[in-house]
Protein backbone atom coordinates (compact mmCIF):
# COMPACT_ATOMS: atom_id res chain seq x y z
CA MET A 1 -33.87 26.14 25.32
CA ARG A 2 -33.14 26.67 29.02
CA VAL A 3 -36.84 27.13 29.71
CA VAL A 4 -37.65 23.80 28.08
CA THR A 5 -34.95 22.10 30.17
CA TRP A 6 -36.31 23.64 33.37
CA LEU A 7 -39.86 22.62 32.49
CA PHE A 8 -38.73 19.06 31.76
CA ASN A 9 -36.82 18.87 35.07
CA LEU A 10 -39.78 20.31 36.99
CA THR A 11 -42.16 17.81 35.38
CA LEU A 12 -39.81 14.93 36.16
CA PHE A 13 -39.49 16.10 39.78
CA LEU A 14 -43.27 16.40 40.19
CA LEU A 15 -43.79 12.90 38.76
CA ALA A 16 -41.19 11.47 41.16
CA LEU A 17 -42.74 13.36 44.08
CA GLY A 18 -46.21 12.07 43.19
CA PHE A 19 -44.83 8.54 42.93
CA ALA A 20 -43.17 8.86 46.34
CA LEU A 21 -46.30 10.24 48.00
CA SER A 22 -48.51 7.52 46.54
CA ASN A 23 -46.21 4.68 47.70
CA THR A 24 -46.03 5.26 51.43
CA ALA A 25 -47.22 1.81 52.43
CA SER A 26 -44.79 -0.04 54.64
CA VAL A 27 -43.13 -3.09 53.10
CA GLU A 28 -40.74 -5.68 54.48
CA LEU A 29 -37.34 -6.50 53.08
CA ARG A 30 -36.16 -9.91 54.23
CA PHE A 31 -32.48 -10.75 54.14
CA MET A 32 -31.30 -14.27 53.37
CA LEU A 33 -29.15 -14.51 56.50
CA GLY A 34 -31.18 -15.30 59.56
CA ASP A 35 -34.39 -13.56 60.43
CA LEU A 36 -33.34 -10.05 59.46
CA VAL A 37 -36.32 -7.98 58.36
CA TRP A 38 -36.33 -4.28 57.55
CA ARG A 39 -39.63 -2.42 57.40
CA ALA A 40 -39.83 0.90 55.58
CA PRO A 41 -41.98 2.68 52.98
CA LEU A 42 -41.65 1.30 49.45
CA VAL A 43 -40.26 4.57 48.13
CA VAL A 44 -37.33 4.36 50.58
CA PHE A 45 -36.34 0.95 49.22
CA LEU A 46 -36.69 2.16 45.65
CA LEU A 47 -34.50 5.20 46.30
CA ILE A 48 -31.86 3.10 48.08
CA PHE A 49 -31.68 0.62 45.22
CA LEU A 50 -31.66 3.41 42.65
CA ALA A 51 -28.72 5.07 44.44
CA ALA A 52 -26.91 1.72 44.71
CA GLY A 53 -27.39 1.14 40.97
CA VAL A 54 -26.04 4.59 40.14
CA VAL A 55 -22.98 4.01 42.33
CA LEU A 56 -22.33 0.58 40.80
CA GLY A 57 -22.73 1.99 37.29
CA LEU A 58 -20.26 4.80 38.02
CA LEU A 59 -17.78 2.35 39.52
CA ALA A 60 -18.06 0.19 36.41
CA ALA A 61 -17.29 3.24 34.24
CA VAL A 62 -14.17 4.31 36.19
CA PRO A 63 -11.66 1.99 34.43
CA ALA A 64 -12.79 3.16 31.00
CA LEU A 65 -12.60 6.79 32.17
CA PHE A 66 -8.99 6.38 33.29
CA ARG A 67 -8.11 4.51 30.10
CA HIS A 68 -9.59 7.32 27.98
CA ARG A 69 -7.75 9.98 30.00
CA ARG A 70 -4.43 8.16 29.49
CA GLU A 71 -5.13 7.91 25.76
CA ILE A 72 -6.02 11.61 25.55
CA THR A 73 -2.81 12.52 27.38
CA ARG A 74 -0.74 10.33 25.08
CA LEU A 75 -2.37 11.75 21.96
CA THR A 76 -1.97 15.32 23.22
CA LYS A 77 1.76 14.76 23.77
CA GLU A 78 2.04 13.15 20.36
CA LEU A 79 0.26 16.10 18.77
CA ARG A 80 2.54 18.58 20.52
CA HIS A 81 5.60 16.73 19.23
CA ALA A 82 4.16 16.53 15.72
CA GLY A 83 3.66 20.30 15.63
CA ARG A 84 7.35 21.02 16.25
CA PRO A 85 9.59 21.44 13.22
CA ALA A 86 11.95 18.53 12.70
CA PRO A 87 15.64 19.29 13.17
CA ALA A 88 17.45 19.81 9.87
CA ALA A 89 18.97 16.48 9.05
CA GLN A 90 22.09 16.58 6.94
CA ALA A 91 22.24 13.95 4.24
CA PRO A 92 25.57 12.13 4.05
CA ALA A 93 27.75 13.28 1.18
CA THR A 94 28.40 9.74 0.02
CA PRO A 95 26.08 6.82 0.57
CA VAL A 96 27.40 4.28 3.03
CA THR A 97 27.27 0.72 1.73
CA ASP A 98 28.31 -2.41 3.47
CA THR A 99 30.23 -4.68 1.14
CA THR A 100 30.96 -7.53 3.52
CA PRO A 101 29.73 -10.93 2.36
CA GLY A 102 26.47 -12.15 3.89
CA SER A 103 25.42 -8.71 5.07
CA SER A 104 22.38 -8.46 2.84
CA VAL A 105 19.26 -7.25 4.60
CA GLY A 106 15.80 -8.39 3.74
CA LEU A 107 13.57 -11.42 3.77
CA GLY A 108 16.20 -14.12 3.43
CA VAL A 109 17.90 -12.52 0.45
């Protein structure tokens, strides 16, 4: 399986290298503010925008990552507490009842 992965990565690298070598023509990137123009090979612009997209995607995933880590920590603590034996609770010898008027508990009973 490792050989297949290496072959796939090598093929992907060679395709990207061929793409980069075939797109060496200089292009202009014009900014909206003023007369700013940047001239560079097309592949440079593509790589810059690819890297910017990866960074923005990772930044968008950070809040969910932290939320999932907090949830995992909470569930791990909960699981640890659930694994402990409960302390032996002693049942009262006689049931305690409240006989004062109007002390009924429930939904308006």
